[in-house]
Amino acid sequence: PLEDRPPCPRRRVLRLYQASFLLRDYGIRAWELAELVQDGRLPDKDPKVALAELQADRFPVDPNTADFWELVRVPGIGPSAARKILALRESGKAIRDFWDLMAVLGRERARKAIRYLDLEHPGLGQH
């Protein structure tokens, strides 16, 4: 019955995949994503960014005190990067500035994440 209809736009498919990863790997709950839906569709932006904007009261996060689940909610930080940050902390090091963050995430992801992180007071427990 759908063969006569045009395929779903690639951008919409991408957003659905991104949303499924948030549910599966990032601890995001279905009701949280449901808050983003407008007219039956996700917004035309990265759902993780849209969720961070909607839940602005959760940010900024201190990468030196945040737990795994707080870190993976930060746009630009995925499960692998969150584990690297936790390992860095366990080794006694802190993320003090953009350059430390860039060493863990790379330039582009660090640029995406920096606006959601508190690097002003590293390790003081503000998150």
PDB file of N, CA and C in Angstrom:
ATOM      1  N   PRO A   1       0.803  -1.211   0.000  1.00  0.00           N
ATOM      2  CA  PRO A   1       0.000   0.000   0.000  1.00  0.00           C
ATOM      3  C   PRO A   1       0.843   1.271   0.000  1.00  0.00           C
ATOM      4  N   LEU A   2       2.122   1.183   0.345  1.00  0.00           N
ATOM      5  CA  LEU A   2       2.956   2.389   0.376  1.00  0.00           C
ATOM      6  C   LEU A   2       3.802   2.560  -0.879  1.00  0.00           C
ATOM      7  N   GLU A   3       3.739   1.600  -1.812  1.00  0.00           N
ATOM      8  CA  GLU A   3       4.613   1.690  -2.984  1.00  0.00           C
ATOM      9  C   GLU A   3       4.300   2.892  -3.869  1.00  0.00           C
ATOM     10  N   ASP A   4       3.112   3.443  -3.768  1.00  0.00           N
ATOM     11  CA  ASP A   4       2.749   4.608  -4.571  1.00  0.00           C
ATOM     12  C   ASP A   4       3.063   5.933  -3.873  1.00  0.00           C
ATOM     13  N   ARG A   5       3.616   5.857  -2.699  1.00  0.00           N
ATOM     14  CA  ARG A   5       3.932   7.073  -1.941  1.00  0.00           C
ATOM     15  C   ARG A   5       5.427   7.340  -2.011  1.00  0.00           C
ATOM     16  N   PRO A   6       5.812   8.591  -1.970  1.00  0.00           N
ATOM     17  CA  PRO A   6       7.250   8.899  -1.992  1.00  0.00           C
ATOM     18  C   PRO A   6       7.908   8.435  -0.686  1.00  0.00           C
ATOM     19  N   PRO A   7       9.198   8.100  -0.754  1.00  0.00           N
ATOM     20  CA  PRO A   7       9.875   7.669   0.475  1.00  0.00           C
ATOM     21  C   PRO A   7       9.977   8.814   1.486  1.00  0.00           C
ATOM     22  N   CYS A   8      10.167   8.440   2.700  1.00  0.00           N
ATOM     23  CA  CYS A   8      10.349   9.399   3.788  1.00  0.00           C
ATOM     24  C   CYS A   8      11.617  10.213   3.506  1.00  0.00           C
ATOM     25  N   PRO A   9      11.605  11.521   3.730  1.00  0.00           N
ATOM     26  CA  PRO A   9      12.822  12.321   3.514  1.00  0.00           C
ATOM     27  C   PRO A   9      13.986  11.798   4.365  1.00  0.00           C
ATOM     28  N   ARG A  10      15.176  11.835   3.786  1.00  0.00           N
ATOM     29  CA  ARG A  10      16.373  11.319   4.478  1.00  0.00           C
ATOM     30  C   ARG A  10      16.608  12.001   5.822  1.00  0.00           C
ATOM     31  N   ARG A  11      16.335  13.278   5.865  1.00  0.00           N
ATOM     32  CA  ARG A  11      16.552  14.019   7.114  1.00  0.00           C
ATOM     33  C   ARG A  11      15.639  13.488   8.221  1.00  0.00           C
ATOM     34  N   ARG A  12      14.410  13.154   7.867  1.00  0.00           N
ATOM     35  CA  ARG A  12      13.479  12.606   8.861  1.00  0.00           C
ATOM     36  C   ARG A  12      13.943  11.229   9.323  1.00  0.00           C
ATOM     37  N   VAL A  13      14.436  10.422   8.389  1.00  0.00           N
ATOM     38  CA  VAL A  13      14.972   9.102   8.742  1.00  0.00           C
ATOM     39  C   VAL A  13      16.140   9.266   9.712  1.00  0.00           C
ATOM     40  N   LEU A  14      17.029  10.220   9.426  1.00  0.00           N
ATOM     41  CA  LEU A  14      18.168  10.487  10.308  1.00  0.00           C
ATOM     42  C   LEU A  14      17.689  10.840  11.711  1.00  0.00           C
ATOM     43  N   ARG A  15      16.697  11.722  11.819  1.00  0.00           N
ATOM     44  CA  ARG A  15      16.193  12.128  13.141  1.00  0.00           C
ATOM     45  C   ARG A  15      15.598  10.949  13.897  1.00  0.00           C
ATOM     46  N   LEU A  16      14.917  10.057  13.191  1.00  0.00           N
ATOM     47  CA  LEU A  16      14.346   8.869  13.842  1.00  0.00           C
ATOM     48  C   LEU A  16      15.449   7.943  14.342  1.00  0.00           C
ATOM     49  N   TYR A  17      16.507   7.767  13.549  1.00  0.00           N
ATOM     50  CA  TYR A  17      17.643   6.962  14.007  1.00  0.00           C
ATOM     51  C   TYR A  17      18.292   7.605  15.230  1.00  0.00           C
ATOM     52  N   GLN A  18      18.499   8.922  15.172  1.00  0.00           N
ATOM     53  CA  GLN A  18      19.102   9.615  16.314  1.00  0.00           C
ATOM     54  C   GLN A  18      18.249   9.431  17.566  1.00  0.00           C
ATOM     55  N   ALA A  19      16.944   9.553  17.419  1.00  0.00           N
ATOM     56  CA  ALA A  19      16.041   9.377  18.563  1.00  0.00           C
ATOM     57  C   ALA A  19      16.124   7.957  19.107  1.00  0.00           C
ATOM     58  N   SER A  20      16.229   6.965  18.218  1.00  0.00           N
ATOM     59  CA  SER A  20      16.301   5.576  18.686  1.00  0.00           C
ATOM     60  C   SER A  20      17.591   5.332  19.465  1.00  0.00           C
ATOM     61  N   PHE A  21      18.692   5.957  19.045  1.00  0.00           N
ATOM     62  CA  PHE A  21      19.944   5.819  19.796  1.00  0.00           C
ATOM     63  C   PHE A  21      19.832   6.476  21.169  1.00  0.00           C
ATOM     64  N   LEU A  22      19.156   7.615  21.241  1.00  0.00           N
ATOM     65  CA  LEU A  22      18.972   8.274  22.537  1.00  0.00           C
ATOM     66  C   LEU A  22      18.207   7.374  23.497  1.00  0.00           C
ATOM     67  N   LEU A  23      17.207   6.692  22.990  1.00  0.00           N
ATOM     68  CA  LEU A  23      16.430   5.768  23.822  1.00  0.00           C
ATOM     69  C   LEU A  23      17.265   4.562  24.232  1.00  0.00           C
ATOM     70  N   ARG A  24      18.026   4.030  23.300  1.00  0.00           N
ATOM     71  CA  ARG A  24      18.751   2.785  23.535  1.00  0.00           C
ATOM     72  C   ARG A  24      20.030   2.972  24.349  1.00  0.00           C
ATOM     73  N   ASP A  25      20.804   4.009  24.036  1.00  0.00           N
ATOM     74  CA  ASP A  25      22.158   4.123  24.588  1.00  0.00           C
ATOM     75  C   ASP A  25      22.385   5.283  25.553  1.00  0.00           C
ATOM     76  N   TYR A  26      21.456   6.218  25.622  1.00  0.00           N
ATOM     77  CA  TYR A  26      21.709   7.451  26.364  1.00  0.00           C
ATOM     78  C   TYR A  26      20.828   7.639  27.589  1.00  0.00           C
ATOM     79  N   GLY A  27      19.984   6.683  27.888  1.00  0.00           N
ATOM     80  CA  GLY A  27      19.132   6.783  29.067  1.00  0.00           C
ATOM     81  C   GLY A  27      17.996   7.777  28.943  1.00  0.00           C
ATOM     82  N   ILE A  28      17.721   8.230  27.740  1.00  0.00           N
ATOM     83  CA  ILE A  28      16.617   9.156  27.515  1.00  0.00           C
ATOM     84  C   ILE A  28      15.322   8.350  27.525  1.00  0.00           C
ATOM     85  N   ARG A  29      14.321   8.855  28.176  1.00  0.00           N
ATOM     86  CA  ARG A  29      13.024   8.178  28.276  1.00  0.00           C
ATOM     87  C   ARG A  29      12.122   8.593  27.111  1.00  0.00           C
ATOM     88  N   ALA A  30      11.227   7.684  26.730  1.00  0.00           N
ATOM     89  CA  ALA A  30      10.315   7.951  25.609  1.00  0.00           C
ATOM     90  C   ALA A  30       9.481   9.206  25.861  1.00  0.00           C
ATOM     91  N   TRP A  31       9.046   9.414  27.109  1.00  0.00           N
ATOM     92  CA  TRP A  31       8.225  10.593  27.395  1.00  0.00           C
ATOM     93  C   TRP A  31       9.005  11.886  27.181  1.00  0.00           C
ATOM     94  N   GLU A  32      10.342  11.828  27.369  1.00  0.00           N
ATOM     95  CA  GLU A  32      11.146  13.026  27.140  1.00  0.00           C
ATOM     96  C   GLU A  32      11.165  13.379  25.654  1.00  0.00           C
ATOM     97  N   LEU A  33      11.343  12.350  24.814  1.00  0.00           N
ATOM     98  CA  LEU A  33      11.317  12.597  23.372  1.00  0.00           C
ATOM     99  C   LEU A  33       9.930  13.025  22.915  1.00  0.00           C
ATOM    100  N   ALA A  34       8.904  12.466  23.543  1.00  0.00           N
ATOM    101  CA  ALA A  34       7.530  12.823  23.173  1.00  0.00           C
ATOM    102  C   ALA A  34       7.279  14.318  23.378  1.00  0.00           C
ATOM    103  N   GLU A  35       7.970  14.919  24.344  1.00  0.00           N
ATOM    104  CA  GLU A  35       7.823  16.360  24.578  1.00  0.00           C
ATOM    105  C   GLU A  35       8.330  17.189  23.399  1.00  0.00           C
ATOM    106  N   LEU A  36       9.192  16.591  22.572  1.00  0.00           N
ATOM    107  CA  LEU A  36       9.746  17.300  21.419  1.00  0.00           C
ATOM    108  C   LEU A  36       8.838  17.249  20.201  1.00  0.00           C
ATOM    109  N   VAL A  37       7.946  16.285  20.165  1.00  0.00           N
ATOM    110  CA  VAL A  37       7.128  16.036  18.975  1.00  0.00           C
ATOM    111  C   VAL A  37       6.134  17.171  18.748  1.00  0.00           C
ATOM    112  N   GLN A  38       6.121  17.658  17.504  1.00  0.00           N
ATOM    113  CA  GLN A  38       5.172  18.689  17.089  1.00  0.00           C
ATOM    114  C   GLN A  38       4.521  18.221  15.796  1.00  0.00           C
ATOM    115  N   ASP A  39       3.225  18.198  15.763  1.00  0.00           N
ATOM    116  CA  ASP A  39       2.478  17.722  14.596  1.00  0.00           C
ATOM    117  C   ASP A  39       2.897  16.310  14.201  1.00  0.00           C
ATOM    118  N   GLY A  40       3.184  15.487  15.200  1.00  0.00           N
ATOM    119  CA  GLY A  40       3.533  14.097  14.946  1.00  0.00           C
ATOM    120  C   GLY A  40       4.953  13.868  14.471  1.00  0.00           C
ATOM    121  N   ARG A  41       5.785  14.898  14.512  1.00  0.00           N
ATOM    122  CA  ARG A  41       7.164  14.768  14.025  1.00  0.00           C
ATOM    123  C   ARG A  41       8.160  15.351  15.021  1.00  0.00           C
ATOM    124  N   LEU A  42       9.359  14.791  14.972  1.00  0.00           N
ATOM    125  CA  LEU A  42      10.458  15.375  15.734  1.00  0.00           C
ATOM    126  C   LEU A  42      10.872  16.682  15.065  1.00  0.00           C
ATOM    127  N   PRO A  43      11.450  17.614  15.807  1.00  0.00           N
ATOM    128  CA  PRO A  43      11.917  18.854  15.181  1.00  0.00           C
ATOM    129  C   PRO A  43      13.029  18.557  14.181  1.00  0.00           C
ATOM    130  N   ASP A  44      13.219  19.467  13.244  1.00  0.00           N
ATOM    131  CA  ASP A  44      14.238  19.269  12.217  1.00  0.00           C
ATOM    132  C   ASP A  44      15.604  19.752  12.716  1.00  0.00           C
ATOM    133  N   LYS A  45      16.009  19.178  13.826  1.00  0.00           N
ATOM    134  CA  LYS A  45      17.344  19.423  14.382  1.00  0.00           C
ATOM    135  C   LYS A  45      17.709  18.187  15.182  1.00  0.00           C
ATOM    136  N   ASP A  46      18.953  18.077  15.531  1.00  0.00           N
ATOM    137  CA  ASP A  46      19.426  16.948  16.328  1.00  0.00           C
ATOM    138  C   ASP A  46      18.539  16.836  17.573  1.00  0.00           C
ATOM    139  N   PRO A  47      17.882  15.684  17.783  1.00  0.00           N
ATOM    140  CA  PRO A  47      16.988  15.571  18.938  1.00  0.00           C
ATOM    141  C   PRO A  47      17.707  15.726  20.278  1.00  0.00           C
ATOM    142  N   LYS A  48      18.988  15.414  20.325  1.00  0.00           N
ATOM    143  CA  LYS A  48      19.734  15.592  21.576  1.00  0.00           C
ATOM    144  C   LYS A  48      19.896  17.083  21.889  1.00  0.00           C
ATOM    145  N   VAL A  49      20.154  17.878  20.865  1.00  0.00           N
ATOM    146  CA  VAL A  49      20.257  19.330  21.037  1.00  0.00           C
ATOM    147  C   VAL A  49      18.891  19.903  21.411  1.00  0.00           C
ATOM    148  N   ALA A  50      17.844  19.461  20.718  1.00  0.00           N
ATOM    149  CA  ALA A  50      16.491  19.943  21.016  1.00  0.00           C
ATOM    150  C   ALA A  50      16.098  19.604  22.452  1.00  0.00           C
ATOM    151  N   LEU A  51      16.458  18.415  22.908  1.00  0.00           N
ATOM    152  CA  LEU A  51      16.143  18.005  24.277  1.00  0.00           C
ATOM    153  C   LEU A  51      16.935  18.841  25.283  1.00  0.00           C
ATOM    154  N   ALA A  52      18.206  19.107  24.976  1.00  0.00           N
ATOM    155  CA  ALA A  52      19.024  19.944  25.861  1.00  0.00           C
ATOM    156  C   ALA A  52      18.445  21.354  25.960  1.00  0.00           C
ATOM    157  N   GLU A  53      17.953  21.877  24.851  1.00  0.00           N
ATOM    158  CA  GLU A  53      17.335  23.211  24.873  1.00  0.00           C
ATOM    159  C   GLU A  53      16.044  23.199  25.687  1.00  0.00           C
ATOM    160  N   LEU A  54      15.267  22.138  25.545  1.00  0.00           N
ATOM    161  CA  LEU A  54      14.014  22.016  26.284  1.00  0.00           C
ATOM    162  C   LEU A  54      14.265  21.853  27.786  1.00  0.00           C
ATOM    163  N   GLN A  55      15.331  21.136  28.127  1.00  0.00           N
ATOM    164  CA  GLN A  55      15.660  20.864  29.528  1.00  0.00           C
ATOM    165  C   GLN A  55      16.853  21.715  29.971  1.00  0.00           C
ATOM    166  N   ALA A  56      16.809  22.985  29.634  1.00  0.00           N
ATOM    167  CA  ALA A  56      17.922  23.895  29.903  1.00  0.00           C
ATOM    168  C   ALA A  56      18.296  23.958  31.377  1.00  0.00           C
ATOM    169  N   ASP A  57      17.353  23.628  32.271  1.00  0.00           N
ATOM    170  CA  ASP A  57      17.642  23.670  33.704  1.00  0.00           C
ATOM    171  C   ASP A  57      18.649  22.599  34.119  1.00  0.00           C
ATOM    172  N   ARG A  58      18.908  21.612  33.277  1.00  0.00           N
ATOM    173  CA  ARG A  58      19.897  20.567  33.582  1.00  0.00           C
ATOM    174  C   ARG A  58      21.330  21.020  33.297  1.00  0.00           C
ATOM    175  N   PHE A  59      21.490  22.157  32.647  1.00  0.00           N
ATOM    176  CA  PHE A  59      22.795  22.613  32.190  1.00  0.00           C
ATOM    177  C   PHE A  59      23.131  23.961  32.802  1.00  0.00           C
ATOM    178  N   PRO A  60      24.394  24.301  32.931  1.00  0.00           N
ATOM    179  CA  PRO A  60      25.563  23.551  32.498  1.00  0.00           C
ATOM    180  C   PRO A  60      25.910  22.416  33.463  1.00  0.00           C
ATOM    181  N   VAL A  61      26.612  21.448  32.922  1.00  0.00           N
ATOM    182  CA  VAL A  61      27.062  20.280  33.673  1.00  0.00           C
ATOM    183  C   VAL A  61      28.566  20.414  33.901  1.00  0.00           C
ATOM    184  N   ASP A  62      29.016  20.107  35.088  1.00  0.00           N
ATOM    185  CA  ASP A  62      30.450  20.108  35.383  1.00  0.00           C
ATOM    186  C   ASP A  62      31.007  18.742  34.987  1.00  0.00           C
ATOM    187  N   PRO A  63      31.859  18.673  33.957  1.00  0.00           N
ATOM    188  CA  PRO A  63      32.375  17.375  33.514  1.00  0.00           C
ATOM    189  C   PRO A  63      33.270  16.700  34.550  1.00  0.00           C
ATOM    190  N   ASN A  64      33.679  17.445  35.558  1.00  0.00           N
ATOM    191  CA  ASN A  64      34.560  16.891  36.582  1.00  0.00           C
ATOM    192  C   ASN A  64      33.810  16.276  37.757  1.00  0.00           C
ATOM    193  N   THR A  65      32.487  16.451  37.787  1.00  0.00           N
ATOM    194  CA  THR A  65      31.694  15.858  38.864  1.00  0.00           C
ATOM    195  C   THR A  65      30.472  15.095  38.352  1.00  0.00           C
ATOM    196  N   ALA A  66      30.093  15.319  37.104  1.00  0.00           N
ATOM    197  CA  ALA A  66      28.886  14.690  36.549  1.00  0.00           C
ATOM    198  C   ALA A  66      29.061  13.183  36.428  1.00  0.00           C
ATOM    199  N   ASP A  67      27.950  12.459  36.591  1.00  0.00           N
ATOM    200  CA  ASP A  67      28.008  11.013  36.386  1.00  0.00           C
ATOM    201  C   ASP A  67      27.828  10.700  34.895  1.00  0.00           C
ATOM    202  N   PHE A  68      27.947   9.429  34.543  1.00  0.00           N
ATOM    203  CA  PHE A  68      27.870   8.980  33.160  1.00  0.00           C
ATOM    204  C   PHE A  68      26.593   9.478  32.481  1.00  0.00           C
ATOM    205  N   TRP A  69      25.449   9.312  33.142  1.00  0.00           N
ATOM    206  CA  TRP A  69      24.160   9.647  32.534  1.00  0.00           C
ATOM    207  C   TRP A  69      23.990  11.148  32.344  1.00  0.00           C
ATOM    208  N   GLU A  70      24.590  11.946  33.208  1.00  0.00           N
ATOM    209  CA  GLU A  70      24.556  13.398  33.016  1.00  0.00           C
ATOM    210  C   GLU A  70      25.441  13.787  31.834  1.00  0.00           C
ATOM    211  N   LEU A  71      26.587  13.140  31.721  1.00  0.00           N
ATOM    212  CA  LEU A  71      27.507  13.454  30.627  1.00  0.00           C
ATOM    213  C   LEU A  71      26.925  13.107  29.265  1.00  0.00           C
ATOM    214  N   VAL A  72      26.285  11.936  29.132  1.00  0.00           N
ATOM    215  CA  VAL A  72      25.791  11.548  27.804  1.00  0.00           C
ATOM    216  C   VAL A  72      24.607  12.393  27.339  1.00  0.00           C
ATOM    217  N   ARG A  73      24.005  13.164  28.214  1.00  0.00           N
ATOM    218  CA  ARG A  73      22.933  14.079  27.802  1.00  0.00           C
ATOM    219  C   ARG A  73      23.495  15.344  27.155  1.00  0.00           C
ATOM    220  N   VAL A  74      24.775  15.579  27.312  1.00  0.00           N
ATOM    221  CA  VAL A  74      25.407  16.768  26.744  1.00  0.00           C
ATOM    222  C   VAL A  74      25.620  16.559  25.242  1.00  0.00           C
ATOM    223  N   PRO A  75      25.064  17.441  24.398  1.00  0.00           N
ATOM    224  CA  PRO A  75      25.338  17.323  22.966  1.00  0.00           C
ATOM    225  C   PRO A  75      26.843  17.346  22.707  1.00  0.00           C
ATOM    226  N   GLY A  76      27.308  16.419  21.892  1.00  0.00           N
ATOM    227  CA  GLY A  76      28.735  16.303  21.603  1.00  0.00           C
ATOM    228  C   GLY A  76      29.426  15.238  22.429  1.00  0.00           C
ATOM    229  N   ILE A  77      28.765  14.744  23.478  1.00  0.00           N
ATOM    230  CA  ILE A  77      29.338  13.696  24.324  1.00  0.00           C
ATOM    231  C   ILE A  77      28.469  12.455  24.218  1.00  0.00           C
ATOM    232  N   GLY A  78      29.068  11.389  23.713  1.00  0.00           N
ATOM    233  CA  GLY A  78      28.380  10.105  23.626  1.00  0.00           C
ATOM    234  C   GLY A  78      28.893   9.167  24.701  1.00  0.00           C
ATOM    235  N   PRO A  79      28.433   7.929  24.690  1.00  0.00           N
ATOM    236  CA  PRO A  79      28.861   6.969  25.711  1.00  0.00           C
ATOM    237  C   PRO A  79      30.376   6.765  25.760  1.00  0.00           C
ATOM    238  N   SER A  80      31.011   6.673  24.609  1.00  0.00           N
ATOM    239  CA  SER A  80      32.460   6.462  24.574  1.00  0.00           C
ATOM    240  C   SER A  80      33.206   7.656  25.178  1.00  0.00           C
ATOM    241  N   ALA A  81      32.818   8.859  24.788  1.00  0.00           N
ATOM    242  CA  ALA A  81      33.459  10.062  25.326  1.00  0.00           C
ATOM    243  C   ALA A  81      33.183  10.211  26.818  1.00  0.00           C
ATOM    244  N   ALA A  82      31.979   9.869  27.255  1.00  0.00           N
ATOM    245  CA  ALA A  82      31.656   9.945  28.688  1.00  0.00           C
ATOM    246  C   ALA A  82      32.563   9.003  29.480  1.00  0.00           C
ATOM    247  N   ARG A  83      32.786   7.809  28.938  1.00  0.00           N
ATOM    248  CA  ARG A  83      33.690   6.866  29.621  1.00  0.00           C
ATOM    249  C   ARG A  83      35.121   7.402  29.659  1.00  0.00           C
ATOM    250  N   LYS A  84      35.553   8.074  28.592  1.00  0.00           N
ATOM    251  CA  LYS A  84      36.896   8.675  28.572  1.00  0.00           C
ATOM    252  C   LYS A  84      37.015   9.759  29.641  1.00  0.00           C
ATOM    253  N   ILE A  85      35.974  10.577  29.773  1.00  0.00           N
ATOM    254  CA  ILE A  85      35.984  11.642  30.784  1.00  0.00           C
ATOM    255  C   ILE A  85      36.046  11.036  32.182  1.00  0.00           C
ATOM    256  N   LEU A  86      35.260   9.998  32.424  1.00  0.00           N
ATOM    257  CA  LEU A  86      35.279   9.337  33.737  1.00  0.00           C
ATOM    258  C   LEU A  86      36.639   8.708  34.012  1.00  0.00           C
ATOM    259  N   ALA A  87      37.256   8.096  32.997  1.00  0.00           N
ATOM    260  CA  ALA A  87      38.586   7.495  33.162  1.00  0.00           C
ATOM    261  C   ALA A  87      39.628   8.576  33.449  1.00  0.00           C
ATOM    262  N   LEU A  88      39.508   9.708  32.782  1.00  0.00           N
ATOM    263  CA  LEU A  88      40.415  10.827  33.017  1.00  0.00           C
ATOM    264  C   LEU A  88      40.318  11.285  34.469  1.00  0.00           C
ATOM    265  N   ARG A  89      39.092  11.402  34.963  1.00  0.00           N
ATOM    266  CA  ARG A  89      38.886  11.801  36.364  1.00  0.00           C
ATOM    267  C   ARG A  89      39.466  10.781  37.319  1.00  0.00           C
ATOM    268  N   GLU A  90      39.264   9.494  37.022  1.00  0.00           N
ATOM    269  CA  GLU A  90      39.795   8.439  37.898  1.00  0.00           C
ATOM    270  C   GLU A  90      41.315   8.475  37.953  1.00  0.00           C
ATOM    271  N   SER A  91      41.947   8.978  36.884  1.00  0.00           N
ATOM    272  CA  SER A  91      43.406   9.076  36.877  1.00  0.00           C
ATOM    273  C   SER A  91      43.889  10.332  37.597  1.00  0.00           C
ATOM    274  N   GLY A  92      42.942  11.115  38.146  1.00  0.00           N
ATOM    275  CA  GLY A  92      43.308  12.296  38.918  1.00  0.00           C
ATOM    276  C   GLY A  92      43.385  13.577  38.112  1.00  0.00           C
ATOM    277  N   LYS A  93      43.012  13.530  36.837  1.00  0.00           N
ATOM    278  CA  LYS A  93      43.065  14.728  35.996  1.00  0.00           C
ATOM    279  C   LYS A  93      41.676  15.344  35.878  1.00  0.00           C
ATOM    280  N   ALA A  94      41.653  16.620  35.553  1.00  0.00           N
ATOM    281  CA  ALA A  94      40.387  17.342  35.403  1.00  0.00           C
ATOM    282  C   ALA A  94      40.327  17.979  34.018  1.00  0.00           C
ATOM    283  N   ILE A  95      39.121  18.272  33.587  1.00  0.00           N
ATOM    284  CA  ILE A  95      38.929  19.051  32.367  1.00  0.00           C
ATOM    285  C   ILE A  95      38.768  20.494  32.829  1.00  0.00           C
ATOM    286  N   ARG A  96      39.812  21.291  32.604  1.00  0.00           N
ATOM    287  CA  ARG A  96      39.842  22.657  33.113  1.00  0.00           C
ATOM    288  C   ARG A  96      39.443  23.709  32.081  1.00  0.00           C
ATOM    289  N   ASP A  97      39.624  23.373  30.793  1.00  0.00           N
ATOM    290  CA  ASP A  97      39.360  24.375  29.760  1.00  0.00           C
ATOM    291  C   ASP A  97      39.014  23.694  28.436  1.00  0.00           C
ATOM    292  N   PHE A  98      38.800  24.514  27.425  1.00  0.00           N
ATOM    293  CA  PHE A  98      38.426  23.993  26.111  1.00  0.00           C
ATOM    294  C   PHE A  98      39.479  23.039  25.567  1.00  0.00           C
ATOM    295  N   TRP A  99      40.746  23.326  25.819  1.00  0.00           N
ATOM    296  CA  TRP A  99      41.826  22.495  25.266  1.00  0.00           C
ATOM    297  C   TRP A  99      41.809  21.100  25.882  1.00  0.00           C
ATOM    298  N   ASP A 100      41.541  21.017  27.169  1.00  0.00           N
ATOM    299  CA  ASP A 100      41.407  19.697  27.811  1.00  0.00           C
ATOM    300  C   ASP A 100      40.215  18.943  27.224  1.00  0.00           C
ATOM    301  N   LEU A 101      39.126  19.671  27.024  1.00  0.00           N
ATOM    302  CA  LEU A 101      37.927  19.061  26.451  1.00  0.00           C
ATOM    303  C   LEU A 101      38.199  18.587  25.025  1.00  0.00           C
ATOM    304  N   MET A 102      38.897  19.404  24.261  1.00  0.00           N
ATOM    305  CA  MET A 102      39.215  19.059  22.881  1.00  0.00           C
ATOM    306  C   MET A 102      40.115  17.822  22.805  1.00  0.00           C
ATOM    307  N   ALA A 103      40.985  17.647  23.778  1.00  0.00           N
ATOM    308  CA  ALA A 103      41.853  16.467  23.796  1.00  0.00           C
ATOM    309  C   ALA A 103      41.044  15.181  23.949  1.00  0.00           C
ATOM    310  N   VAL A 104      39.902  15.266  24.610  1.00  0.00           N
ATOM    311  CA  VAL A 104      39.045  14.093  24.818  1.00  0.00           C
ATOM    312  C   VAL A 104      38.055  13.922  23.672  1.00  0.00           C
ATOM    313  N   LEU A 105      37.441  15.020  23.229  1.00  0.00           N
ATOM    314  CA  LEU A 105      36.337  14.941  22.270  1.00  0.00           C
ATOM    315  C   LEU A 105      36.719  15.210  20.824  1.00  0.00           C
ATOM    316  N   GLY A 106      37.817  15.907  20.606  1.00  0.00           N
ATOM    317  CA  GLY A 106      38.104  16.417  19.270  1.00  0.00           C
ATOM    318  C   GLY A 106      37.491  17.801  19.133  1.00  0.00           C
ATOM    319  N   ARG A 107      37.965  18.553  18.141  1.00  0.00           N
ATOM    320  CA  ARG A 107      37.579  19.960  18.011  1.00  0.00           C
ATOM    321  C   ARG A 107      36.073  20.162  17.812  1.00  0.00           C
ATOM    322  N   GLU A 108      35.471  19.490  16.847  1.00  0.00           N
ATOM    323  CA  GLU A 108      34.063  19.755  16.529  1.00  0.00           C
ATOM    324  C   GLU A 108      33.117  19.364  17.660  1.00  0.00           C
ATOM    325  N   ARG A 109      33.329  18.198  18.230  1.00  0.00           N
ATOM    326  CA  ARG A 109      32.445  17.781  19.329  1.00  0.00           C
ATOM    327  C   ARG A 109      32.664  18.646  20.558  1.00  0.00           C
ATOM    328  N   ALA A 110      33.900  19.077  20.802  1.00  0.00           N
ATOM    329  CA  ALA A 110      34.168  19.979  21.931  1.00  0.00           C
ATOM    330  C   ALA A 110      33.450  21.311  21.722  1.00  0.00           C
ATOM    331  N   ARG A 111      33.447  21.813  20.481  1.00  0.00           N
ATOM    332  CA  ARG A 111      32.742  23.069  20.188  1.00  0.00           C
ATOM    333  C   ARG A 111      31.243  22.921  20.420  1.00  0.00           C
ATOM    334  N   LYS A 112      30.715  21.739  20.137  1.00  0.00           N
ATOM    335  CA  LYS A 112      29.289  21.495  20.349  1.00  0.00           C
ATOM    336  C   LYS A 112      28.980  21.387  21.846  1.00  0.00           C
ATOM    337  N   ALA A 113      29.853  20.723  22.595  1.00  0.00           N
ATOM    338  CA  ALA A 113      29.608  20.434  24.010  1.00  0.00           C
ATOM    339  C   ALA A 113      29.859  21.627  24.930  1.00  0.00           C
ATOM    340  N   ILE A 114      30.778  22.496  24.575  1.00  0.00           N
ATOM    341  CA  ILE A 114      31.254  23.533  25.497  1.00  0.00           C
ATOM    342  C   ILE A 114      30.122  24.408  26.037  1.00  0.00           C
ATOM    343  N   ARG A 115      29.105  24.678  25.226  1.00  0.00           N
ATOM    344  CA  ARG A 115      28.028  25.561  25.704  1.00  0.00           C
ATOM    345  C   ARG A 115      27.133  24.911  26.746  1.00  0.00           C
ATOM    346  N   TYR A 116      27.273  23.592  26.933  1.00  0.00           N
ATOM    347  CA  TYR A 116      26.462  22.865  27.917  1.00  0.00           C
ATOM    348  C   TYR A 116      27.278  22.458  29.144  1.00  0.00           C
ATOM    349  N   LEU A 117      28.538  22.891  29.194  1.00  0.00           N
ATOM    350  CA  LEU A 117      29.435  22.487  30.282  1.00  0.00           C
ATOM    351  C   LEU A 117      29.860  23.679  31.121  1.00  0.00           C
ATOM    352  N   ASP A 118      30.106  23.420  32.396  1.00  0.00           N
ATOM    353  CA  ASP A 118      30.623  24.427  33.314  1.00  0.00           C
ATOM    354  C   ASP A 118      32.104  24.148  33.522  1.00  0.00           C
ATOM    355  N   LEU A 119      32.931  24.951  32.867  1.00  0.00           N
ATOM    356  CA  LEU A 119      34.379  24.826  33.049  1.00  0.00           C
ATOM    357  C   LEU A 119      34.918  25.998  33.854  1.00  0.00           C
ATOM    358  N   GLU A 120      34.027  26.845  34.338  1.00  0.00           N
ATOM    359  CA  GLU A 120      34.423  27.998  35.148  1.00  0.00           C
ATOM    360  C   GLU A 120      34.918  27.579  36.527  1.00  0.00           C
ATOM    361  N   HIS A 121      34.261  26.574  37.100  1.00  0.00           N
ATOM    362  CA  HIS A 121      34.564  26.141  38.464  1.00  0.00           C
ATOM    363  C   HIS A 121      34.793  24.636  38.473  1.00  0.00           C
ATOM    364  N   PRO A 122      35.834  24.140  37.790  1.00  0.00           N
ATOM    365  CA  PRO A 122      35.996  22.690  37.686  1.00  0.00           C
ATOM    366  C   PRO A 122      36.079  22.004  39.043  1.00  0.00           C
ATOM    367  N   GLY A 123      35.240  20.996  39.188  1.00  0.00           N
ATOM    368  CA  GLY A 123      35.300  20.153  40.369  1.00  0.00           C
ATOM    369  C   GLY A 123      34.581  20.671  41.596  1.00  0.00           C
ATOM    370  N   LEU A 124      33.865  21.785  41.484  1.00  0.00           N
ATOM    371  CA  LEU A 124      33.190  22.324  42.664  1.00  0.00           C
ATOM    372  C   LEU A 124      31.797  21.740  42.873  1.00  0.00           C
ATOM    373  N   GLY A 125      31.407  20.812  42.004  1.00  0.00           N
ATOM    374  CA  GLY A 125      30.140  20.128  42.214  1.00  0.00           C
ATOM    375  C   GLY A 125      28.932  20.831  41.643  1.00  0.00           C
ATOM    376  N   GLN A 126      29.133  21.876  40.859  1.00  0.00           N
ATOM    377  CA  GLN A 126      28.001  22.556  40.241  1.00  0.00           C
ATOM    378  C   GLN A 126      27.602  21.807  38.993  1.00  0.00           C
ATOM    379  N   HIS A 127      26.404  21.255  38.984  1.00  0.00           N
ATOM    380  CA  HIS A 127      25.878  20.624  37.768  1.00  0.00           C
ATOM    381  C   HIS A 127      24.418  20.444  37.859  1.00  0.00           C
TER     382      HIS A 127
END
